[in-house]
């Protein structure tokens, strides 16, 4: 009723092909693909850096809870 059907998508794709041509669309698709790969690569390296920078908090062997550590910034 209010959704986009398959025929509407086909018409839109046909108009896009007519306006831009296959060469320009191929170049645009490869540029978008490279941008997505670069984004994923940067997000993956960011996660790796965060994981390497984490320190583990020692846990109490009896309760399994994280040990309370108090650091005095003026010391």
PDB file of N, CA and C in Angstrom:
ATOM      1  N   UNK A   1       0.822  -1.175   0.000  1.00  0.00           N
ATOM      2  CA  UNK A   1       0.000   0.000   0.000  1.00  0.00           C
ATOM      3  C   UNK A   1       0.877   1.253   0.000  1.00  0.00           C
ATOM      4  N   UNK A   2       1.724   1.424   0.996  1.00  0.00           N
ATOM      5  CA  UNK A   2       2.572   2.600   1.040  1.00  0.00           C
ATOM      6  C   UNK A   2       4.026   2.287   0.765  1.00  0.00           C
ATOM      7  N   UNK A   3       4.324   1.003   0.540  1.00  0.00           N
ATOM      8  CA  UNK A   3       5.710   0.601   0.339  1.00  0.00           C
ATOM      9  C   UNK A   3       6.140   0.726  -1.115  1.00  0.00           C
ATOM     10  N   UNK A   4       7.429   0.592  -1.305  1.00  0.00           N
ATOM     11  CA  UNK A   4       7.989   0.643  -2.649  1.00  0.00           C
ATOM     12  C   UNK A   4       8.033  -0.772  -3.199  1.00  0.00           C
ATOM     13  N   UNK A   5       7.481  -0.964  -4.364  1.00  0.00           N
ATOM     14  CA  UNK A   5       7.445  -2.273  -4.996  1.00  0.00           C
ATOM     15  C   UNK A   5       8.657  -2.498  -5.880  1.00  0.00           C
ATOM     16  N   UNK A   6       8.751  -3.698  -6.419  1.00  0.00           N
ATOM     17  CA  UNK A   6       9.886  -4.060  -7.265  1.00  0.00           C
ATOM     18  C   UNK A   6       9.886  -3.247  -8.549  1.00  0.00           C
ATOM     19  N   UNK A   7       8.695  -2.946  -9.084  1.00  0.00           N
ATOM     20  CA  UNK A   7       8.642  -2.208 -10.343  1.00  0.00           C
ATOM     21  C   UNK A   7       9.084  -0.754 -10.161  1.00  0.00           C
ATOM     22  N   UNK A   8       8.789  -0.169  -9.023  1.00  0.00           N
ATOM     23  CA  UNK A   8       9.258   1.192  -8.765  1.00  0.00           C
ATOM     24  C   UNK A   8      10.787   1.226  -8.668  1.00  0.00           C
ATOM     25  N   UNK A   9      11.371   0.203  -8.024  1.00  0.00           N
ATOM     26  CA  UNK A   9      12.834   0.135  -7.929  1.00  0.00           C
ATOM     27  C   UNK A   9      13.474  -0.052  -9.299  1.00  0.00           C
ATOM     28  N   UNK A  10      12.873  -0.857 -10.138  1.00  0.00           N
ATOM     29  CA  UNK A  10      13.402  -1.074 -11.486  1.00  0.00           C
ATOM     30  C   UNK A  10      13.377   0.226 -12.284  1.00  0.00           C
ATOM     31  N   UNK A  11      12.292   0.970 -12.176  1.00  0.00           N
ATOM     32  CA  UNK A  11      12.179   2.246 -12.895  1.00  0.00           C
ATOM     33  C   UNK A  11      13.220   3.240 -12.395  1.00  0.00           C
ATOM     34  N   UNK A  12      13.412   3.322 -11.080  1.00  0.00           N
ATOM     35  CA  UNK A  12      14.402   4.244 -10.516  1.00  0.00           C
ATOM     36  C   UNK A  12      15.804   3.852 -10.981  1.00  0.00           C
ATOM     37  N   UNK A  13      16.139   2.560 -10.959  1.00  0.00           N
ATOM     38  CA  UNK A  13      17.457   2.108 -11.418  1.00  0.00           C
ATOM     39  C   UNK A  13      17.661   2.407 -12.897  1.00  0.00           C
ATOM     40  N   UNK A  14      16.642   2.232 -13.706  1.00  0.00           N
ATOM     41  CA  UNK A  14      16.734   2.533 -15.129  1.00  0.00           C
ATOM     42  C   UNK A  14      17.014   4.017 -15.351  1.00  0.00           C
ATOM     43  N   UNK A  15      16.333   4.872 -14.621  1.00  0.00           N
ATOM     44  CA  UNK A  15      16.552   6.315 -14.743  1.00  0.00           C
ATOM     45  C   UNK A  15      17.972   6.679 -14.295  1.00  0.00           C
ATOM     46  N   UNK A  16      18.446   6.068 -13.219  1.00  0.00           N
ATOM     47  CA  UNK A  16      19.805   6.342 -12.744  1.00  0.00           C
ATOM     48  C   UNK A  16      20.831   5.925 -13.795  1.00  0.00           C
ATOM     49  N   UNK A  17      20.637   4.747 -14.412  1.00  0.00           N
ATOM     50  CA  UNK A  17      21.552   4.300 -15.471  1.00  0.00           C
ATOM     51  C   UNK A  17      21.535   5.248 -16.659  1.00  0.00           C
ATOM     52  N   UNK A  18      20.364   5.738 -17.015  1.00  0.00           N
ATOM     53  CA  UNK A  18      20.275   6.655 -18.142  1.00  0.00           C
ATOM     54  C   UNK A  18      20.942   7.999 -17.838  1.00  0.00           C
ATOM     55  N   UNK A  19      20.794   8.478 -16.620  1.00  0.00           N
ATOM     56  CA  UNK A  19      21.371   9.778 -16.266  1.00  0.00           C
ATOM     57  C   UNK A  19      22.891   9.734 -16.136  1.00  0.00           C
ATOM     58  N   UNK A  20      23.400   8.719 -15.455  1.00  0.00           N
ATOM     59  CA  UNK A  20      24.824   8.702 -15.131  1.00  0.00           C
ATOM     60  C   UNK A  20      25.666   7.831 -16.052  1.00  0.00           C
ATOM     61  N   UNK A  21      25.109   6.796 -16.618  1.00  0.00           N
ATOM     62  CA  UNK A  21      25.881   5.901 -17.455  1.00  0.00           C
ATOM     63  C   UNK A  21      26.619   4.867 -16.617  1.00  0.00           C
ATOM     64  N   UNK A  22      26.970   3.767 -17.269  1.00  0.00           N
ATOM     65  CA  UNK A  22      27.563   2.656 -16.526  1.00  0.00           C
ATOM     66  C   UNK A  22      28.988   2.951 -16.076  1.00  0.00           C
ATOM     67  N   UNK A  23      29.753   3.704 -16.870  1.00  0.00           N
ATOM     68  CA  UNK A  23      31.148   3.992 -16.487  1.00  0.00           C
ATOM     69  C   UNK A  23      31.199   4.844 -15.218  1.00  0.00           C
ATOM     70  N   UNK A  24      30.385   5.858 -15.176  1.00  0.00           N
ATOM     71  CA  UNK A  24      30.382   6.730 -14.003  1.00  0.00           C
ATOM     72  C   UNK A  24      29.871   5.989 -12.768  1.00  0.00           C
ATOM     73  N   UNK A  25      28.846   5.146 -12.951  1.00  0.00           N
ATOM     74  CA  UNK A  25      28.320   4.372 -11.827  1.00  0.00           C
ATOM     75  C   UNK A  25      29.345   3.352 -11.332  1.00  0.00           C
ATOM     76  N   UNK A  26      30.106   2.759 -12.263  1.00  0.00           N
ATOM     77  CA  UNK A  26      31.141   1.804 -11.868  1.00  0.00           C
ATOM     78  C   UNK A  26      32.220   2.514 -11.040  1.00  0.00           C
ATOM     79  N   UNK A  27      32.628   3.687 -11.464  1.00  0.00           N
ATOM     80  CA  UNK A  27      33.614   4.459 -10.704  1.00  0.00           C
ATOM     81  C   UNK A  27      33.074   4.886  -9.351  1.00  0.00           C
ATOM     82  N   UNK A  28      31.813   5.284  -9.316  1.00  0.00           N
ATOM     83  CA  UNK A  28      31.186   5.687  -8.064  1.00  0.00           C
ATOM     84  C   UNK A  28      31.094   4.510  -7.105  1.00  0.00           C
ATOM     85  N   UNK A  29      30.737   3.344  -7.638  1.00  0.00           N
ATOM     86  CA  UNK A  29      30.648   2.141  -6.799  1.00  0.00           C
ATOM     87  C   UNK A  29      31.989   1.743  -6.226  1.00  0.00           C
ATOM     88  N   UNK A  30      33.049   1.838  -7.025  1.00  0.00           N
ATOM     89  CA  UNK A  30      34.375   1.475  -6.509  1.00  0.00           C
ATOM     90  C   UNK A  30      34.844   2.483  -5.467  1.00  0.00           C
ATOM     91  N   UNK A  31      34.532   3.766  -5.667  1.00  0.00           N
ATOM     92  CA  UNK A  31      34.897   4.782  -4.671  1.00  0.00           C
ATOM     93  C   UNK A  31      34.181   4.550  -3.348  1.00  0.00           C
ATOM     94  N   UNK A  32      32.904   4.217  -3.418  1.00  0.00           N
ATOM     95  CA  UNK A  32      32.141   3.943  -2.201  1.00  0.00           C
ATOM     96  C   UNK A  32      32.684   2.695  -1.509  1.00  0.00           C
ATOM     97  N   UNK A  33      33.027   1.674  -2.289  1.00  0.00           N
ATOM     98  CA  UNK A  33      33.597   0.452  -1.718  1.00  0.00           C
ATOM     99  C   UNK A  33      34.915   0.706  -1.012  1.00  0.00           C
ATOM    100  N   UNK A  34      35.780   1.510  -1.620  1.00  0.00           N
ATOM    101  CA  UNK A  34      37.058   1.848  -0.989  1.00  0.00           C
ATOM    102  C   UNK A  34      36.842   2.644   0.288  1.00  0.00           C
ATOM    103  N   UNK A  35      35.871   3.536   0.286  1.00  0.00           N
ATOM    104  CA  UNK A  35      35.591   4.330   1.484  1.00  0.00           C
ATOM    105  C   UNK A  35      35.095   3.438   2.614  1.00  0.00           C
ATOM    106  N   UNK A  36      34.239   2.481   2.295  1.00  0.00           N
ATOM    107  CA  UNK A  36      33.728   1.566   3.320  1.00  0.00           C
ATOM    108  C   UNK A  36      34.848   0.699   3.864  1.00  0.00           C
ATOM    109  N   UNK A  37      35.725   0.205   2.982  1.00  0.00           N
ATOM    110  CA  UNK A  37      36.856  -0.613   3.439  1.00  0.00           C
ATOM    111  C   UNK A  37      37.788   0.193   4.332  1.00  0.00           C
ATOM    112  N   UNK A  38      38.049   1.438   3.961  1.00  0.00           N
ATOM    113  CA  UNK A  38      38.889   2.292   4.796  1.00  0.00           C
ATOM    114  C   UNK A  38      38.268   2.549   6.156  1.00  0.00           C
ATOM    115  N   UNK A  39      36.960   2.751   6.176  1.00  0.00           N
ATOM    116  CA  UNK A  39      36.258   2.976   7.435  1.00  0.00           C
ATOM    117  C   UNK A  39      36.336   1.739   8.320  1.00  0.00           C
ATOM    118  N   UNK A  40      36.089   0.555   7.733  1.00  0.00           N
ATOM    119  CA  UNK A  40      36.162  -0.685   8.516  1.00  0.00           C
ATOM    120  C   UNK A  40      37.572  -0.925   9.032  1.00  0.00           C
ATOM    121  N   UNK A  41      38.561  -0.636   8.203  1.00  0.00           N
ATOM    122  CA  UNK A  41      39.953  -0.838   8.609  1.00  0.00           C
ATOM    123  C   UNK A  41      40.304   0.084   9.769  1.00  0.00           C
ATOM    124  N   UNK A  42      39.880   1.340   9.686  1.00  0.00           N
ATOM    125  CA  UNK A  42      40.190   2.279  10.767  1.00  0.00           C
ATOM    126  C   UNK A  42      39.442   1.912  12.044  1.00  0.00           C
ATOM    127  N   UNK A  43      38.220   1.436  11.923  1.00  0.00           N
ATOM    128  CA  UNK A  43      37.471   1.023  13.109  1.00  0.00           C
ATOM    129  C   UNK A  43      38.096  -0.221  13.731  1.00  0.00           C
ATOM    130  N   UNK A  44      38.578  -1.129  12.913  1.00  0.00           N
ATOM    131  CA  UNK A  44      39.217  -2.343  13.418  1.00  0.00           C
ATOM    132  C   UNK A  44      40.523  -2.033  14.119  1.00  0.00           C
ATOM    133  N   UNK A  45      41.327  -1.124  13.555  1.00  0.00           N
ATOM    134  CA  UNK A  45      42.593  -0.778  14.190  1.00  0.00           C
ATOM    135  C   UNK A  45      42.349   0.012  15.469  1.00  0.00           C
ATOM    136  N   UNK A  46      41.268   0.790  15.516  1.00  0.00           N
ATOM    137  CA  UNK A  46      40.921   1.534  16.726  1.00  0.00           C
ATOM    138  C   UNK A  46      40.532   0.563  17.837  1.00  0.00           C
ATOM    139  N   UNK A  47      39.756  -0.464  17.501  1.00  0.00           N
ATOM    140  CA  UNK A  47      39.370  -1.464  18.498  1.00  0.00           C
ATOM    141  C   UNK A  47      40.582  -2.240  18.991  1.00  0.00           C
ATOM    142  N   UNK A  48      41.527  -2.552  18.091  1.00  0.00           N
ATOM    143  CA  UNK A  48      42.724  -3.273  18.485  1.00  0.00           C
ATOM    144  C   UNK A  48      43.573  -2.425  19.435  1.00  0.00           C
ATOM    145  N   UNK A  49      43.666  -1.130  19.164  1.00  0.00           N
ATOM    146  CA  UNK A  49      44.449  -0.247  20.023  1.00  0.00           C
ATOM    147  C   UNK A  49      43.806  -0.122  21.403  1.00  0.00           C
ATOM    148  N   UNK A  50      42.478  -0.049  21.446  1.00  0.00           N
ATOM    149  CA  UNK A  50      41.784   0.037  22.725  1.00  0.00           C
ATOM    150  C   UNK A  50      41.940  -1.251  23.518  1.00  0.00           C
ATOM    151  N   UNK A  51      41.883  -2.383  22.847  1.00  0.00           N
ATOM    152  CA  UNK A  51      42.015  -3.666  23.532  1.00  0.00           C
ATOM    153  C   UNK A  51      43.427  -3.824  24.092  1.00  0.00           C
ATOM    154  N   UNK A  52      44.434  -3.341  23.375  1.00  0.00           N
ATOM    155  CA  UNK A  52      45.813  -3.452  23.844  1.00  0.00           C
ATOM    156  C   UNK A  52      46.077  -2.487  25.005  1.00  0.00           C
ATOM    157  N   UNK A  53      45.360  -1.362  25.048  1.00  0.00           N
ATOM    158  CA  UNK A  53      45.581  -0.373  26.086  1.00  0.00           C
ATOM    159  C   UNK A  53      44.844  -0.662  27.382  1.00  0.00           C
ATOM    160  N   UNK A  54      43.974  -1.643  27.388  1.00  0.00           N
ATOM    161  CA  UNK A  54      43.213  -1.961  28.594  1.00  0.00           C
ATOM    162  C   UNK A  54      44.096  -2.688  29.598  1.00  0.00           C
ATOM    163  N   UNK A  55      43.839  -2.413  30.847  1.00  0.00           N
ATOM    164  CA  UNK A  55      44.526  -3.138  31.909  1.00  0.00           C
ATOM    165  C   UNK A  55      43.491  -3.964  32.646  1.00  0.00           C
ATOM    166  N   UNK A  56      43.894  -5.121  33.070  1.00  0.00           N
ATOM    167  CA  UNK A  56      42.966  -5.975  33.788  1.00  0.00           C
ATOM    168  C   UNK A  56      42.980  -5.618  35.264  1.00  0.00           C
ATOM    169  N   UNK A  57      41.800  -5.591  35.846  1.00  0.00           N
ATOM    170  CA  UNK A  57      41.658  -5.312  37.268  1.00  0.00           C
ATOM    171  C   UNK A  57      41.742  -6.645  37.999  1.00  0.00           C
ATOM    172  N   UNK A  58      42.621  -6.734  39.006  1.00  0.00           N
ATOM    173  CA  UNK A  58      42.707  -8.006  39.738  1.00  0.00           C
ATOM    174  C   UNK A  58      41.403  -8.290  40.472  1.00  0.00           C
ATOM    175  N   UNK A  59      41.025  -9.559  40.501  1.00  0.00           N
ATOM    176  CA  UNK A  59      39.792  -9.949  41.156  1.00  0.00           C
ATOM    177  C   UNK A  59      40.091 -10.717  42.434  1.00  0.00           C
ATOM    178  N   UNK A  60      39.198 -10.565  43.380  1.00  0.00           N
ATOM    179  CA  UNK A  60      39.309 -11.291  44.632  1.00  0.00           C
ATOM    180  C   UNK A  60      39.007 -12.765  44.356  1.00  0.00           C
ATOM    181  N   UNK A  61      39.889 -13.676  44.751  1.00  0.00           N
ATOM    182  CA  UNK A  61      39.679 -15.089  44.418  1.00  0.00           C
ATOM    183  C   UNK A  61      38.469 -15.699  45.119  1.00  0.00           C
ATOM    184  N   UNK A  62      38.029 -15.162  46.248  1.00  0.00           N
ATOM    185  CA  UNK A  62      36.918 -15.758  46.975  1.00  0.00           C
ATOM    186  C   UNK A  62      35.561 -15.303  46.441  1.00  0.00           C
ATOM    187  N   UNK A  63      35.445 -14.014  46.110  1.00  0.00           N
ATOM    188  CA  UNK A  63      34.147 -13.491  45.676  1.00  0.00           C
ATOM    189  C   UNK A  63      34.050 -13.335  44.167  1.00  0.00           C
ATOM    190  N   UNK A  64      35.180 -13.244  43.473  1.00  0.00           N
ATOM    191  CA  UNK A  64      35.169 -13.061  42.032  1.00  0.00           C
ATOM    192  C   UNK A  64      34.866 -11.637  41.613  1.00  0.00           C
ATOM    193  N   UNK A  65      34.787 -10.713  42.574  1.00  0.00           N
ATOM    194  CA  UNK A  65      34.514  -9.322  42.254  1.00  0.00           C
ATOM    195  C   UNK A  65      35.820  -8.573  42.072  1.00  0.00           C
ATOM    196  N   UNK A  66      35.739  -7.472  41.349  1.00  0.00           N
ATOM    197  CA  UNK A  66      36.924  -6.665  41.132  1.00  0.00           C
ATOM    198  C   UNK A  66      37.413  -6.056  42.421  1.00  0.00           C
ATOM    199  N   UNK A  67      38.707  -6.085  42.611  1.00  0.00           N
ATOM    200  CA  UNK A  67      39.295  -5.529  43.826  1.00  0.00           C
ATOM    201  C   UNK A  67      39.214  -4.004  43.787  1.00  0.00           C
ATOM    202  N   UNK A  68      38.952  -3.385  44.906  1.00  0.00           N
ATOM    203  CA  UNK A  68      38.884  -1.932  45.007  1.00  0.00           C
ATOM    204  C   UNK A  68      40.311  -1.387  45.059  1.00  0.00           C
ATOM    205  N   UNK A  69      40.609  -0.472  44.148  1.00  0.00           N
ATOM    206  CA  UNK A  69      41.924   0.148  44.159  1.00  0.00           C
ATOM    207  C   UNK A  69      41.725   1.637  44.401  1.00  0.00           C
ATOM    208  N   UNK A  70      42.464   2.177  45.355  1.00  0.00           N
ATOM    209  CA  UNK A  70      42.377   3.582  45.667  1.00  0.00           C
ATOM    210  C   UNK A  70      43.704   4.226  45.310  1.00  0.00           C
ATOM    211  N   UNK A  71      43.647   5.196  44.420  1.00  0.00           N
ATOM    212  CA  UNK A  71      44.862   5.922  44.072  1.00  0.00           C
ATOM    213  C   UNK A  71      44.693   7.355  44.514  1.00  0.00           C
ATOM    214  N   UNK A  72      45.699   7.863  45.196  1.00  0.00           N
ATOM    215  CA  UNK A  72      45.664   9.242  45.681  1.00  0.00           C
ATOM    216  C   UNK A  72      46.370  10.131  44.664  1.00  0.00           C
ATOM    217  N   UNK A  73      45.656  11.049  44.006  1.00  0.00           N
ATOM    218  CA  UNK A  73      46.297  11.873  42.968  1.00  0.00           C
ATOM    219  C   UNK A  73      47.319  12.860  43.542  1.00  0.00           C
ATOM    220  N   UNK A  74      47.262  13.144  44.837  1.00  0.00           N
ATOM    221  CA  UNK A  74      48.212  14.081  45.446  1.00  0.00           C
ATOM    222  C   UNK A  74      49.446  13.385  45.963  1.00  0.00           C
ATOM    223  N   UNK A  75      49.503  12.084  45.936  1.00  0.00           N
ATOM    224  CA  UNK A  75      50.643  11.354  46.476  1.00  0.00           C
ATOM    225  C   UNK A  75      51.810  11.349  45.534  1.00  0.00           C
TER     226      UNK A  75
END
